PDB file of N, CA and C in Angstrom:
ATOM      1  N   UNK A   1     146.798  88.907  29.413  1.00  0.00           N
ATOM      2  CA  UNK A   1     146.812  88.252  30.709  1.00  0.00           C
ATOM      3  C   UNK A   1     147.774  87.075  30.666  1.00  0.00           C
ATOM      4  N   UNK A   2     148.699  87.005  31.618  1.00  0.00           N
ATOM      5  CA  UNK A   2     149.716  85.964  31.662  1.00  0.00           C
ATOM      6  C   UNK A   2     149.187  84.704  32.329  1.00  0.00           C
ATOM      7  N   UNK A   3     149.772  83.595  31.934  1.00  0.00           N
ATOM      8  CA  UNK A   3     149.443  82.302  32.540  1.00  0.00           C
ATOM      9  C   UNK A   3     150.124  82.206  33.903  1.00  0.00           C
ATOM     10  N   UNK A   4     149.372  81.842  34.913  1.00  0.00           N
ATOM     11  CA  UNK A   4     149.903  81.655  36.249  1.00  0.00           C
ATOM     12  C   UNK A   4     150.418  80.224  36.355  1.00  0.00           C
ATOM     13  N   UNK A   5     151.709  80.045  36.576  1.00  0.00           N
ATOM     14  CA  UNK A   5     152.308  78.719  36.673  1.00  0.00           C
ATOM     15  C   UNK A   5     152.112  78.203  38.091  1.00  0.00           C
ATOM     16  N   UNK A   6     151.497  77.030  38.210  1.00  0.00           N
ATOM     17  CA  UNK A   6     151.190  76.435  39.509  1.00  0.00           C
ATOM     18  C   UNK A   6     152.239  75.375  39.832  1.00  0.00           C
ATOM     19  N   UNK A   7     152.937  75.563  40.958  1.00  0.00           N
ATOM     20  CA  UNK A   7     154.007  74.656  41.324  1.00  0.00           C
ATOM     21  C   UNK A   7     153.746  74.006  42.679  1.00  0.00           C
ATOM     22  N   UNK A   8     154.295  72.811  42.815  1.00  0.00           N
ATOM     23  CA  UNK A   8     154.316  72.112  44.096  1.00  0.00           C
ATOM     24  C   UNK A   8     155.782  71.904  44.458  1.00  0.00           C
ATOM     25  N   UNK A   9     156.089  72.081  45.716  1.00  0.00           N
ATOM     26  CA  UNK A   9     157.457  71.908  46.200  1.00  0.00           C
ATOM     27  C   UNK A   9     157.500  70.697  47.112  1.00  0.00           C
ATOM     28  N   UNK A  10     158.318  69.721  46.759  1.00  0.00           N
ATOM     29  CA  UNK A  10     158.463  68.516  47.567  1.00  0.00           C
ATOM     30  C   UNK A  10     159.814  68.552  48.256  1.00  0.00           C
ATOM     31  N   UNK A  11     159.793  68.490  49.556  1.00  0.00           N
ATOM     32  CA  UNK A  11     161.032  68.522  50.322  1.00  0.00           C
ATOM     33  C   UNK A  11     161.338  69.931  50.772  1.00  0.00           C
ATOM     34  N   UNK A  12     161.119  70.208  52.037  1.00  0.00           N
ATOM     35  CA  UNK A  12     161.367  71.545  52.574  1.00  0.00           C
ATOM     36  C   UNK A  12     162.543  71.525  53.544  1.00  0.00           C
ATOM     37  N   UNK A  13     163.515  70.679  53.222  1.00  0.00           N
ATOM     38  CA  UNK A  13     164.744  70.643  54.012  1.00  0.00           C
ATOM     39  C   UNK A  13     165.596  71.850  53.681  1.00  0.00           C
ATOM     40  N   UNK A  14     166.891  71.707  53.812  1.00  0.00           N
ATOM     41  CA  UNK A  14     167.804  72.835  53.606  1.00  0.00           C
ATOM     42  C   UNK A  14     167.659  73.450  52.213  1.00  0.00           C
ATOM     43  N   UNK A  15     167.640  72.615  51.180  1.00  0.00           N
ATOM     44  CA  UNK A  15     167.506  73.111  49.810  1.00  0.00           C
ATOM     45  C   UNK A  15     166.097  73.634  49.567  1.00  0.00           C
ATOM     46  N   UNK A  16     165.095  72.836  49.898  1.00  0.00           N
ATOM     47  CA  UNK A  16     163.711  73.198  49.623  1.00  0.00           C
ATOM     48  C   UNK A  16     163.254  74.442  50.355  1.00  0.00           C
ATOM     49  N   UNK A  17     163.675  74.592  51.597  1.00  0.00           N
ATOM     50  CA  UNK A  17     163.267  75.768  52.369  1.00  0.00           C
ATOM     51  C   UNK A  17     163.847  77.042  51.756  1.00  0.00           C
ATOM     52  N   UNK A  18     165.116  77.010  51.419  1.00  0.00           N
ATOM     53  CA  UNK A  18     165.760  78.194  50.834  1.00  0.00           C
ATOM     54  C   UNK A  18     165.136  78.513  49.471  1.00  0.00           C
ATOM     55  N   UNK A  19     164.883  77.473  48.682  1.00  0.00           N
ATOM     56  CA  UNK A  19     164.261  77.658  47.372  1.00  0.00           C
ATOM     57  C   UNK A  19     162.857  78.234  47.534  1.00  0.00           C
ATOM     58  N   UNK A  20     162.084  77.694  48.475  1.00  0.00           N
ATOM     59  CA  UNK A  20     160.719  78.179  48.723  1.00  0.00           C
ATOM     60  C   UNK A  20     160.727  79.644  49.151  1.00  0.00           C
ATOM     61  N   UNK A  21     161.660  80.017  50.027  1.00  0.00           N
ATOM     62  CA  UNK A  21     161.746  81.407  50.471  1.00  0.00           C
ATOM     63  C   UNK A  21     161.942  82.353  49.295  1.00  0.00           C
ATOM     64  N   UNK A  22     162.839  81.992  48.389  1.00  0.00           N
ATOM     65  CA  UNK A  22     163.099  82.869  47.250  1.00  0.00           C
ATOM     66  C   UNK A  22     161.948  82.862  46.255  1.00  0.00           C
ATOM     67  N   UNK A  23     161.294  81.716  46.101  1.00  0.00           N
ATOM     68  CA  UNK A  23     160.108  81.673  45.235  1.00  0.00           C
ATOM     69  C   UNK A  23     159.048  82.618  45.789  1.00  0.00           C
ATOM     70  N   UNK A  24     158.802  82.534  47.083  1.00  0.00           N
ATOM     71  CA  UNK A  24     157.798  83.401  47.709  1.00  0.00           C
ATOM     72  C   UNK A  24     158.172  84.875  47.572  1.00  0.00           C
ATOM     73  N   UNK A  25     159.449  85.162  47.730  1.00  0.00           N
ATOM     74  CA  UNK A  25     159.906  86.544  47.585  1.00  0.00           C
ATOM     75  C   UNK A  25     159.635  87.055  46.171  1.00  0.00           C
ATOM     76  N   UNK A  26     159.951  86.259  45.161  1.00  0.00           N
ATOM     77  CA  UNK A  26     159.724  86.662  43.772  1.00  0.00           C
ATOM     78  C   UNK A  26     158.232  86.824  43.487  1.00  0.00           C
ATOM     79  N   UNK A  27     157.418  85.950  44.062  1.00  0.00           N
ATOM     80  CA  UNK A  27     155.971  86.021  43.860  1.00  0.00           C
ATOM     81  C   UNK A  27     155.408  87.283  44.516  1.00  0.00           C
ATOM     82  N   UNK A  28     155.768  87.498  45.781  1.00  0.00           N
ATOM     83  CA  UNK A  28     155.182  88.592  46.546  1.00  0.00           C
ATOM     84  C   UNK A  28     155.761  89.955  46.188  1.00  0.00           C
ATOM     85  N   UNK A  29     157.075  90.047  46.053  1.00  0.00           N
ATOM     86  CA  UNK A  29     157.705  91.350  45.841  1.00  0.00           C
ATOM     87  C   UNK A  29     157.796  91.737  44.369  1.00  0.00           C
ATOM     88  N   UNK A  30     158.045  90.745  43.507  1.00  0.00           N
ATOM     89  CA  UNK A  30     158.227  91.051  42.088  1.00  0.00           C
ATOM     90  C   UNK A  30     156.992  90.744  41.257  1.00  0.00           C
ATOM     91  N   UNK A  31     155.987  90.137  41.880  1.00  0.00           N
ATOM     92  CA  UNK A  31     154.741  89.854  41.185  1.00  0.00           C
ATOM     93  C   UNK A  31     154.858  88.858  40.042  1.00  0.00           C
ATOM     94  N   UNK A  32     155.788  87.898  40.146  1.00  0.00           N
ATOM     95  CA  UNK A  32     155.902  86.902  39.080  1.00  0.00           C
ATOM     96  C   UNK A  32     154.655  86.018  39.081  1.00  0.00           C
ATOM     97  N   UNK A  33     154.307  85.512  37.936  1.00  0.00           N
ATOM     98  CA  UNK A  33     153.087  84.720  37.769  1.00  0.00           C
ATOM     99  C   UNK A  33     153.311  83.260  38.116  1.00  0.00           C
ATOM    100  N   UNK A  34     153.622  83.026  39.373  1.00  0.00           N
ATOM    101  CA  UNK A  34     153.831  81.682  39.898  1.00  0.00           C
ATOM    102  C   UNK A  34     153.017  81.570  41.173  1.00  0.00           C
ATOM    103  N   UNK A  35     152.378  80.431  41.337  1.00  0.00           N
ATOM    104  CA  UNK A  35     151.597  80.175  42.553  1.00  0.00           C
ATOM    105  C   UNK A  35     152.040  78.839  43.122  1.00  0.00           C
ATOM    106  N   UNK A  36     152.390  78.824  44.400  1.00  0.00           N
ATOM    107  CA  UNK A  36     152.707  77.561  45.073  1.00  0.00           C
ATOM    108  C   UNK A  36     151.385  76.975  45.537  1.00  0.00           C
ATOM    109  N   UNK A  37     151.001  75.851  44.923  1.00  0.00           N
ATOM    110  CA  UNK A  37     149.683  75.268  45.182  1.00  0.00           C
ATOM    111  C   UNK A  37     149.730  74.094  46.155  1.00  0.00           C
ATOM    112  N   UNK A  38     150.935  73.596  46.461  1.00  0.00           N
ATOM    113  CA  UNK A  38     151.066  72.499  47.420  1.00  0.00           C
ATOM    114  C   UNK A  38     152.536  72.340  47.785  1.00  0.00           C
ATOM    115  N   UNK A  39     152.755  71.826  48.989  1.00  0.00           N
ATOM    116  CA  UNK A  39     154.092  71.452  49.424  1.00  0.00           C
ATOM    117  C   UNK A  39     153.998  70.111  50.129  1.00  0.00           C
ATOM    118  N   UNK A  40     155.116  69.420  50.187  1.00  0.00           N
ATOM    119  CA  UNK A  40     155.183  68.166  50.937  1.00  0.00           C
ATOM    120  C   UNK A  40     156.471  68.168  51.749  1.00  0.00           C
ATOM    121  N   UNK A  41     156.337  67.752  52.990  1.00  0.00           N
ATOM    122  CA  UNK A  41     157.491  67.680  53.878  1.00  0.00           C
ATOM    123  C   UNK A  41     157.194  66.633  54.938  1.00  0.00           C
ATOM    124  N   UNK A  42     158.197  65.873  55.281  1.00  0.00           N
ATOM    125  CA  UNK A  42     157.968  64.787  56.247  1.00  0.00           C
ATOM    126  C   UNK A  42     157.655  65.292  57.649  1.00  0.00           C
ATOM    127  N   UNK A  43     158.031  66.544  57.952  1.00  0.00           N
ATOM    128  CA  UNK A  43     157.754  67.115  59.266  1.00  0.00           C
ATOM    129  C   UNK A  43     156.722  68.230  59.127  1.00  0.00           C
ATOM    130  N   UNK A  44     155.474  67.902  59.371  1.00  0.00           N
ATOM    131  CA  UNK A  44     154.396  68.881  59.239  1.00  0.00           C
ATOM    132  C   UNK A  44     154.461  69.981  60.290  1.00  0.00           C
ATOM    133  N   UNK A  45     155.286  69.786  61.314  1.00  0.00           N
ATOM    134  CA  UNK A  45     155.412  70.776  62.384  1.00  0.00           C
ATOM    135  C   UNK A  45     156.610  71.700  62.180  1.00  0.00           C
ATOM    136  N   UNK A  46     157.338  71.543  61.076  1.00  0.00           N
ATOM    137  CA  UNK A  46     158.472  72.435  60.828  1.00  0.00           C
ATOM    138  C   UNK A  46     157.946  73.845  60.579  1.00  0.00           C
ATOM    139  N   UNK A  47     158.735  74.857  60.920  1.00  0.00           N
ATOM    140  CA  UNK A  47     158.267  76.238  60.725  1.00  0.00           C
ATOM    141  C   UNK A  47     157.847  76.536  59.289  1.00  0.00           C
ATOM    142  N   UNK A  48     158.581  76.031  58.310  1.00  0.00           N
ATOM    143  CA  UNK A  48     158.239  76.338  56.922  1.00  0.00           C
ATOM    144  C   UNK A  48     156.937  75.635  56.516  1.00  0.00           C
ATOM    145  N   UNK A  49     156.741  74.388  56.952  1.00  0.00           N
ATOM    146  CA  UNK A  49     155.490  73.676  56.649  1.00  0.00           C
ATOM    147  C   UNK A  49     154.310  74.382  57.319  1.00  0.00           C
ATOM    148  N   UNK A  50     154.496  74.785  58.563  1.00  0.00           N
ATOM    149  CA  UNK A  50     153.432  75.500  59.272  1.00  0.00           C
ATOM    150  C   UNK A  50     153.126  76.835  58.605  1.00  0.00           C
ATOM    151  N   UNK A  51     154.153  77.501  58.096  1.00  0.00           N
ATOM    152  CA  UNK A  51     153.947  78.764  57.401  1.00  0.00           C
ATOM    153  C   UNK A  51     153.095  78.589  56.156  1.00  0.00           C
ATOM    154  N   UNK A  52     153.364  77.530  55.392  1.00  0.00           N
ATOM    155  CA  UNK A  52     152.544  77.266  54.210  1.00  0.00           C
ATOM    156  C   UNK A  52     151.121  76.915  54.612  1.00  0.00           C
ATOM    157  N   UNK A  53     150.972  76.088  55.635  1.00  0.00           N
ATOM    158  CA  UNK A  53     149.634  75.717  56.090  1.00  0.00           C
ATOM    159  C   UNK A  53     148.862  76.958  56.539  1.00  0.00           C
ATOM    160  N   UNK A  54     149.532  77.849  57.248  1.00  0.00           N
ATOM    161  CA  UNK A  54     148.913  79.099  57.706  1.00  0.00           C
ATOM    162  C   UNK A  54     148.448  79.953  56.520  1.00  0.00           C
ATOM    163  N   UNK A  55     149.177  79.851  55.417  1.00  0.00           N
ATOM    164  CA  UNK A  55     148.828  80.607  54.204  1.00  0.00           C
ATOM    165  C   UNK A  55     147.820  79.862  53.329  1.00  0.00           C
ATOM    166  N   UNK A  56     147.253  78.802  53.867  1.00  0.00           N
ATOM    167  CA  UNK A  56     146.219  78.015  53.180  1.00  0.00           C
ATOM    168  C   UNK A  56     146.746  77.232  51.971  1.00  0.00           C
ATOM    169  N   UNK A  57     148.054  76.942  51.962  1.00  0.00           N
ATOM    170  CA  UNK A  57     148.637  76.082  50.927  1.00  0.00           C
ATOM    171  C   UNK A  57     148.570  74.657  51.468  1.00  0.00           C
ATOM    172  N   UNK A  58     148.005  73.711  50.693  1.00  0.00           N
ATOM    173  CA  UNK A  58     147.966  72.328  51.169  1.00  0.00           C
ATOM    174  C   UNK A  58     149.373  71.799  51.457  1.00  0.00           C
ATOM    175  N   UNK A  59     149.531  71.212  52.642  1.00  0.00           N
ATOM    176  CA  UNK A  59     150.804  70.636  53.059  1.00  0.00           C
ATOM    177  C   UNK A  59     150.590  69.147  53.267  1.00  0.00           C
ATOM    178  N   UNK A  60     151.351  68.335  52.527  1.00  0.00           N
ATOM    179  CA  UNK A  60     151.227  66.888  52.606  1.00  0.00           C
ATOM    180  C   UNK A  60     152.448  66.294  53.279  1.00  0.00           C
ATOM    181  N   UNK A  61     152.227  65.269  54.082  1.00  0.00           N
ATOM    182  CA  UNK A  61     153.348  64.522  54.659  1.00  0.00           C
ATOM    183  C   UNK A  61     153.880  63.540  53.620  1.00  0.00           C
ATOM    184  N   UNK A  62     152.984  62.965  52.838  1.00  0.00           N
ATOM    185  CA  UNK A  62     153.341  62.011  51.793  1.00  0.00           C
ATOM    186  C   UNK A  62     153.408  62.753  50.465  1.00  0.00           C
ATOM    187  N   UNK A  63     154.607  62.864  49.909  1.00  0.00           N
ATOM    188  CA  UNK A  63     154.799  63.598  48.658  1.00  0.00           C
ATOM    189  C   UNK A  63     153.971  63.028  47.511  1.00  0.00           C
ATOM    190  N   UNK A  64     153.644  61.762  47.562  1.00  0.00           N
ATOM    191  CA  UNK A  64     152.875  61.135  46.491  1.00  0.00           C
ATOM    192  C   UNK A  64     151.456  61.700  46.407  1.00  0.00           C
ATOM    193  N   UNK A  65     150.956  62.288  47.480  1.00  0.00           N
ATOM    194  CA  UNK A  65     149.613  62.858  47.472  1.00  0.00           C
ATOM    195  C   UNK A  65     149.482  64.020  46.496  1.00  0.00           C
ATOM    196  N   UNK A  66     150.588  64.661  46.175  1.00  0.00           N
ATOM    197  CA  UNK A  66     150.552  65.785  45.236  1.00  0.00           C
ATOM    198  C   UNK A  66     150.060  65.317  43.869  1.00  0.00           C
ATOM    199  N   UNK A  67     150.355  64.076  43.513  1.00  0.00           N
ATOM    200  CA  UNK A  67     149.927  63.532  42.221  1.00  0.00           C
ATOM    201  C   UNK A  67     148.408  63.570  42.099  1.00  0.00           C
ATOM    202  N   UNK A  68     147.699  63.408  43.205  1.00  0.00           N
ATOM    203  CA  UNK A  68     146.231  63.395  43.172  1.00  0.00           C
ATOM    204  C   UNK A  68     145.649  64.749  42.772  1.00  0.00           C
ATOM    205  N   UNK A  69     146.463  65.791  42.775  1.00  0.00           N
ATOM    206  CA  UNK A  69     145.982  67.118  42.386  1.00  0.00           C
ATOM    207  C   UNK A  69     145.867  67.250  40.867  1.00  0.00           C
ATOM    208  N   UNK A  70     146.406  66.279  40.148  1.00  0.00           N
ATOM    209  CA  UNK A  70     146.275  66.260  38.690  1.00  0.00           C
ATOM    210  C   UNK A  70     146.809  67.513  38.026  1.00  0.00           C
ATOM    211  N   UNK A  71     146.052  68.010  37.051  1.00  0.00           N
ATOM    212  CA  UNK A  71     146.476  69.158  36.249  1.00  0.00           C
ATOM    213  C   UNK A  71     146.397  70.485  37.011  1.00  0.00           C
ATOM    214  N   UNK A  72     146.023  70.447  38.290  1.00  0.00           N
ATOM    215  CA  UNK A  72     146.064  71.661  39.111  1.00  0.00           C
ATOM    216  C   UNK A  72     147.502  72.051  39.439  1.00  0.00           C
ATOM    217  N   UNK A  73     148.441  71.143  39.094  1.00  0.00           N
ATOM    218  CA  UNK A  73     149.873  71.388  39.297  1.00  0.00           C
ATOM    219  C   UNK A  73     150.549  71.343  37.941  1.00  0.00           C
ATOM    220  N   UNK A  74     151.238  72.430  37.589  1.00  0.00           N
ATOM    221  CA  UNK A  74     151.984  72.459  36.328  1.00  0.00           C
ATOM    222  C   UNK A  74     153.360  71.819  36.488  1.00  0.00           C
ATOM    223  N   UNK A  75     154.051  72.169  37.583  1.00  0.00           N
ATOM    224  CA  UNK A  75     155.416  71.686  37.809  1.00  0.00           C
ATOM    225  C   UNK A  75     155.546  71.200  39.248  1.00  0.00           C
ATOM    226  N   UNK A  76     156.059  69.994  39.392  1.00  0.00           N
ATOM    227  CA  UNK A  76     156.420  69.470  40.711  1.00  0.00           C
ATOM    228  C   UNK A  76     157.926  69.619  40.844  1.00  0.00           C
ATOM    229  N   UNK A  77     158.370  70.470  41.773  1.00  0.00           N
ATOM    230  CA  UNK A  77     159.796  70.581  42.061  1.00  0.00           C
ATOM    231  C   UNK A  77     160.147  69.527  43.105  1.00  0.00           C
ATOM    232  N   UNK A  78     160.880  68.513  42.680  1.00  0.00           N
ATOM    233  CA  UNK A  78     161.319  67.465  43.599  1.00  0.00           C
ATOM    234  C   UNK A  78     162.658  67.895  44.179  1.00  0.00           C
ATOM    235  N   UNK A  79     162.611  68.419  45.390  1.00  0.00           N
ATOM    236  CA  UNK A  79     163.803  68.912  46.067  1.00  0.00           C
ATOM    237  C   UNK A  79     164.216  67.992  47.203  1.00  0.00           C
ATOM    238  N   UNK A  80     163.747  66.743  47.130  1.00  0.00           N
ATOM    239  CA  UNK A  80     164.016  65.785  48.200  1.00  0.00           C
ATOM    240  C   UNK A  80     165.382  65.138  48.082  1.00  0.00           C
ATOM    241  N   UNK A  81     165.929  65.099  46.885  1.00  0.00           N
ATOM    242  CA  UNK A  81     167.192  64.390  46.684  1.00  0.00           C
ATOM    243  C   UNK A  81     167.022  62.883  46.701  1.00  0.00           C
ATOM    244  N   UNK A  82     165.792  62.408  46.568  1.00  0.00           N
ATOM    245  CA  UNK A  82     165.495  60.977  46.642  1.00  0.00           C
ATOM    246  C   UNK A  82     165.127  60.450  45.253  1.00  0.00           C
ATOM    247  N   UNK A  83     166.068  59.764  44.572  1.00  0.00           N
ATOM    248  CA  UNK A  83     165.777  59.271  43.222  1.00  0.00           C
ATOM    249  C   UNK A  83     164.648  58.235  43.186  1.00  0.00           C
ATOM    250  N   UNK A  84     164.471  57.474  44.264  1.00  0.00           N
ATOM    251  CA  UNK A  84     163.377  56.504  44.300  1.00  0.00           C
ATOM    252  C   UNK A  84     162.021  57.202  44.310  1.00  0.00           C
ATOM    253  N   UNK A  85     161.926  58.292  45.049  1.00  0.00           N
ATOM    254  CA  UNK A  85     160.685  59.058  45.069  1.00  0.00           C
ATOM    255  C   UNK A  85     160.386  59.604  43.678  1.00  0.00           C
ATOM    256  N   UNK A  86     161.406  60.101  43.003  1.00  0.00           N
ATOM    257  CA  UNK A  86     161.196  60.654  41.659  1.00  0.00           C
ATOM    258  C   UNK A  86     160.670  59.573  40.708  1.00  0.00           C
ATOM    259  N   UNK A  87     161.191  58.369  40.818  1.00  0.00           N
ATOM    260  CA  UNK A  87     160.696  57.257  39.986  1.00  0.00           C
ATOM    261  C   UNK A  87     159.231  56.974  40.294  1.00  0.00           C
ATOM    262  N   UNK A  88     158.888  56.972  41.578  1.00  0.00           N
ATOM    263  CA  UNK A  88     157.504  56.721  41.984  1.00  0.00           C
ATOM    264  C   UNK A  88     156.577  57.832  41.478  1.00  0.00           C
ATOM    265  N   UNK A  89     157.049  59.061  41.540  1.00  0.00           N
ATOM    266  CA  UNK A  89     156.247  60.187  41.040  1.00  0.00           C
ATOM    267  C   UNK A  89     155.976  60.036  39.549  1.00  0.00           C
ATOM    268  N   UNK A  90     157.026  59.709  38.786  1.00  0.00           N
ATOM    269  CA  UNK A  90     156.851  59.529  37.339  1.00  0.00           C
ATOM    270  C   UNK A  90     155.845  58.426  37.043  1.00  0.00           C
ATOM    271  N   UNK A  91     155.982  57.312  37.755  1.00  0.00           N
ATOM    272  CA  UNK A  91     155.063  56.191  37.537  1.00  0.00           C
ATOM    273  C   UNK A  91     153.633  56.576  37.894  1.00  0.00           C
ATOM    274  N   UNK A  92     153.465  57.283  38.998  1.00  0.00           N
ATOM    275  CA  UNK A  92     152.121  57.682  39.425  1.00  0.00           C
ATOM    276  C   UNK A  92     151.487  58.663  38.442  1.00  0.00           C
ATOM    277  N   UNK A  93     152.275  59.591  37.909  1.00  0.00           N
ATOM    278  CA  UNK A  93     151.737  60.515  36.911  1.00  0.00           C
ATOM    279  C   UNK A  93     151.314  59.755  35.663  1.00  0.00           C
ATOM    280  N   UNK A  94     152.119  58.787  35.270  1.00  0.00           N
ATOM    281  CA  UNK A  94     151.787  57.995  34.082  1.00  0.00           C
ATOM    282  C   UNK A  94     150.526  57.155  34.333  1.00  0.00           C
ATOM    283  N   UNK A  95     150.445  56.524  35.495  1.00  0.00           N
ATOM    284  CA  UNK A  95     149.283  55.696  35.822  1.00  0.00           C
ATOM    285  C   UNK A  95     148.000  56.515  35.880  1.00  0.00           C
ATOM    286  N   UNK A  96     148.110  57.767  36.283  1.00  0.00           N
ATOM    287  CA  UNK A  96     146.925  58.627  36.377  1.00  0.00           C
ATOM    288  C   UNK A  96     146.629  59.332  35.051  1.00  0.00           C
ATOM    289  N   UNK A  97     147.406  59.010  34.025  1.00  0.00           N
ATOM    290  CA  UNK A  97     147.249  59.603  32.682  1.00  0.00           C
ATOM    291  C   UNK A  97     147.414  61.112  32.708  1.00  0.00           C
ATOM    292  N   UNK A  98     148.233  61.593  33.639  1.00  0.00           N
ATOM    293  CA  UNK A  98     148.513  63.026  33.744  1.00  0.00           C
ATOM    294  C   UNK A  98     149.652  63.353  32.783  1.00  0.00           C
ATOM    295  N   UNK A  99     149.300  63.949  31.660  1.00  0.00           N
ATOM    296  CA  UNK A  99     150.299  64.338  30.672  1.00  0.00           C
ATOM    297  C   UNK A  99     150.576  65.840  30.752  1.00  0.00           C
ATOM    298  N   UNK A 100     150.032  66.471  31.762  1.00  0.00           N
ATOM    299  CA  UNK A 100     150.186  67.915  31.936  1.00  0.00           C
ATOM    300  C   UNK A 100     151.351  68.255  32.876  1.00  0.00           C
ATOM    301  N   UNK A 101     151.369  67.646  34.040  1.00  0.00           N
ATOM    302  CA  UNK A 101     152.327  67.981  35.091  1.00  0.00           C
ATOM    303  C   UNK A 101     153.708  67.435  34.761  1.00  0.00           C
ATOM    304  N   UNK A 102     154.726  68.267  34.976  1.00  0.00           N
ATOM    305  CA  UNK A 102     156.105  67.820  34.786  1.00  0.00           C
ATOM    306  C   UNK A 102     156.826  67.826  36.126  1.00  0.00           C
ATOM    307  N   UNK A 103     157.838  66.981  36.221  1.00  0.00           N
ATOM    308  CA  UNK A 103     158.658  66.913  37.424  1.00  0.00           C
ATOM    309  C   UNK A 103     159.979  67.603  37.136  1.00  0.00           C
ATOM    310  N   UNK A 104     160.315  68.567  37.972  1.00  0.00           N
ATOM    311  CA  UNK A 104     161.594  69.268  37.856  1.00  0.00           C
ATOM    312  C   UNK A 104     162.498  68.788  38.995  1.00  0.00           C
ATOM    313  N   UNK A 105     163.596  68.121  38.668  1.00  0.00           N
ATOM    314  CA  UNK A 105     164.502  67.659  39.724  1.00  0.00           C
ATOM    315  C   UNK A 105     165.332  68.817  40.275  1.00  0.00           C
ATOM    316  N   UNK A 106     166.110  68.519  41.294  1.00  0.00           N
ATOM    317  CA  UNK A 106     166.915  69.532  41.962  1.00  0.00           C
ATOM    318  C   UNK A 106     167.820  70.308  41.015  1.00  0.00           C
ATOM    319  N   UNK A 107     168.300  69.670  39.973  1.00  0.00           N
ATOM    320  CA  UNK A 107     169.193  70.366  39.042  1.00  0.00           C
ATOM    321  C   UNK A 107     168.486  71.563  38.404  1.00  0.00           C
ATOM    322  N   UNK A 108     167.184  71.464  38.186  1.00  0.00           N
ATOM    323  CA  UNK A 108     166.426  72.587  37.634  1.00  0.00           C
ATOM    324  C   UNK A 108     166.329  73.707  38.678  1.00  0.00           C
ATOM    325  N   UNK A 109     166.188  73.335  39.948  1.00  0.00           N
ATOM    326  CA  UNK A 109     166.185  74.346  41.009  1.00  0.00           C
ATOM    327  C   UNK A 109     167.521  75.086  41.022  1.00  0.00           C
ATOM    328  N   UNK A 110     168.614  74.351  40.839  1.00  0.00           N
ATOM    329  CA  UNK A 110     169.926  74.992  40.807  1.00  0.00           C
ATOM    330  C   UNK A 110     170.062  75.900  39.585  1.00  0.00           C
ATOM    331  N   UNK A 111     169.506  75.497  38.462  1.00  0.00           N
ATOM    332  CA  UNK A 111     169.515  76.338  37.275  1.00  0.00           C
ATOM    333  C   UNK A 111     168.782  77.652  37.546  1.00  0.00           C
ATOM    334  N   UNK A 112     167.571  77.555  38.092  1.00  0.00           N
ATOM    335  CA  UNK A 112     166.804  78.762  38.412  1.00  0.00           C
ATOM    336  C   UNK A 112     167.523  79.623  39.440  1.00  0.00           C
ATOM    337  N   UNK A 113     168.161  78.954  40.391  1.00  0.00           N
ATOM    338  CA  UNK A 113     168.879  79.679  41.441  1.00  0.00           C
ATOM    339  C   UNK A 113     169.959  80.565  40.834  1.00  0.00           C
ATOM    340  N   UNK A 114     170.621  80.062  39.810  1.00  0.00           N
ATOM    341  CA  UNK A 114     171.636  80.865  39.131  1.00  0.00           C
ATOM    342  C   UNK A 114     171.024  82.136  38.550  1.00  0.00           C
ATOM    343  N   UNK A 115     169.785  82.043  38.091  1.00  0.00           N
ATOM    344  CA  UNK A 115     169.102  83.227  37.568  1.00  0.00           C
ATOM    345  C   UNK A 115     168.679  84.174  38.682  1.00  0.00           C
ATOM    346  N   UNK A 116     168.410  83.629  39.878  1.00  0.00           N
ATOM    347  CA  UNK A 116     168.074  84.478  41.013  1.00  0.00           C
ATOM    348  C   UNK A 116     169.268  85.336  41.412  1.00  0.00           C
ATOM    349  N   UNK A 117     170.484  84.828  41.146  1.00  0.00           N
ATOM    350  CA  UNK A 117     171.698  85.563  41.481  1.00  0.00           C
ATOM    351  C   UNK A 117     171.922  85.714  42.965  1.00  0.00           C
ATOM    352  N   UNK A 118     171.650  84.677  43.720  1.00  0.00           N
ATOM    353  CA  UNK A 118     171.736  84.764  45.174  1.00  0.00           C
ATOM    354  C   UNK A 118     172.830  83.871  45.756  1.00  0.00           C
ATOM    355  N   UNK A 119     173.929  83.706  45.077  1.00  0.00           N
ATOM    356  CA  UNK A 119     174.993  82.854  45.605  1.00  0.00           C
ATOM    357  C   UNK A 119     174.682  81.393  45.396  1.00  0.00           C
ATOM    358  N   UNK A 120     175.167  80.568  46.278  1.00  0.00           N
ATOM    359  CA  UNK A 120     175.026  79.126  46.142  1.00  0.00           C
ATOM    360  C   UNK A 120     173.773  78.606  46.842  1.00  0.00           C
ATOM    361  N   UNK A 121     173.044  77.759  46.152  1.00  0.00           N
ATOM    362  CA  UNK A 121     171.949  77.023  46.766  1.00  0.00           C
ATOM    363  C   UNK A 121     172.576  75.793  47.407  1.00  0.00           C
ATOM    364  N   UNK A 122     172.215  75.449  48.627  1.00  0.00           N
ATOM    365  CA  UNK A 122     172.816  74.272  49.262  1.00  0.00           C
ATOM    366  C   UNK A 122     172.582  73.029  48.429  1.00  0.00           C
ATOM    367  N   UNK A 123     173.484  72.084  48.519  1.00  0.00           N
ATOM    368  CA  UNK A 123     173.349  70.791  47.847  1.00  0.00           C
ATOM    369  C   UNK A 123     172.610  69.854  48.785  1.00  0.00           C
ATOM    370  N   UNK A 124     171.749  69.031  48.198  1.00  0.00           N
ATOM    371  CA  UNK A 124     171.015  68.057  48.999  1.00  0.00           C
ATOM    372  C   UNK A 124     171.963  66.979  49.481  1.00  0.00           C
ATOM    373  N   UNK A 125     171.708  66.537  50.684  1.00  0.00           N
ATOM    374  CA  UNK A 125     172.477  65.406  51.209  1.00  0.00           C
ATOM    375  C   UNK A 125     171.629  64.148  51.153  1.00  0.00           C
ATOM    376  N   UNK A 126     170.638  64.170  50.251  1.00  0.00           N
ATOM    377  CA  UNK A 126     169.674  63.082  50.091  1.00  0.00           C
ATOM    378  C   UNK A 126     169.064  62.706  51.441  1.00  0.00           C
ATOM    379  N   UNK A 127     168.422  63.683  52.030  1.00  0.00           N
ATOM    380  CA  UNK A 127     167.789  63.482  53.326  1.00  0.00           C
ATOM    381  C   UNK A 127     166.322  63.124  53.204  1.00  0.00           C
ATOM    382  N   UNK A 128     165.850  62.915  51.978  1.00  0.00           N
ATOM    383  CA  UNK A 128     164.432  62.631  51.799  1.00  0.00           C
ATOM    384  C   UNK A 128     163.621  63.894  51.900  1.00  0.00           C
ATOM    385  N   UNK A 129     162.375  63.770  52.230  1.00  0.00           N
ATOM    386  CA  UNK A 129     161.530  64.957  52.327  1.00  0.00           C
ATOM    387  C   UNK A 129     160.959  65.035  53.702  1.00  0.00           C
TER     388      UNK A 129
END
């Protein structure tokens, strides 16, 4: 039995939405052992945020709320392009003594995207989440 990797996606803008779509495709069509357990986006009424909410995935307006999920999240994909948010996330994980969850910045999303073989993933314009 394989370990199911639990991920949270922060930032569902141009980069995050495209990344989320392909993650969902790999999960649903290819049966990869990844589960999206939370997302955060500043616009809770965006189609992608509403889609996750409809699928019973917790959707947060404040990306920092994902930290409260503790070890229920293996990897936080920070796709916001906001270095200040990433610093706050690291500090919050440390303050909560969470030594389990790791933060994957956008560069890791681009690395994975290369493995997806789907052309270019858009570059963040640092629009926040």
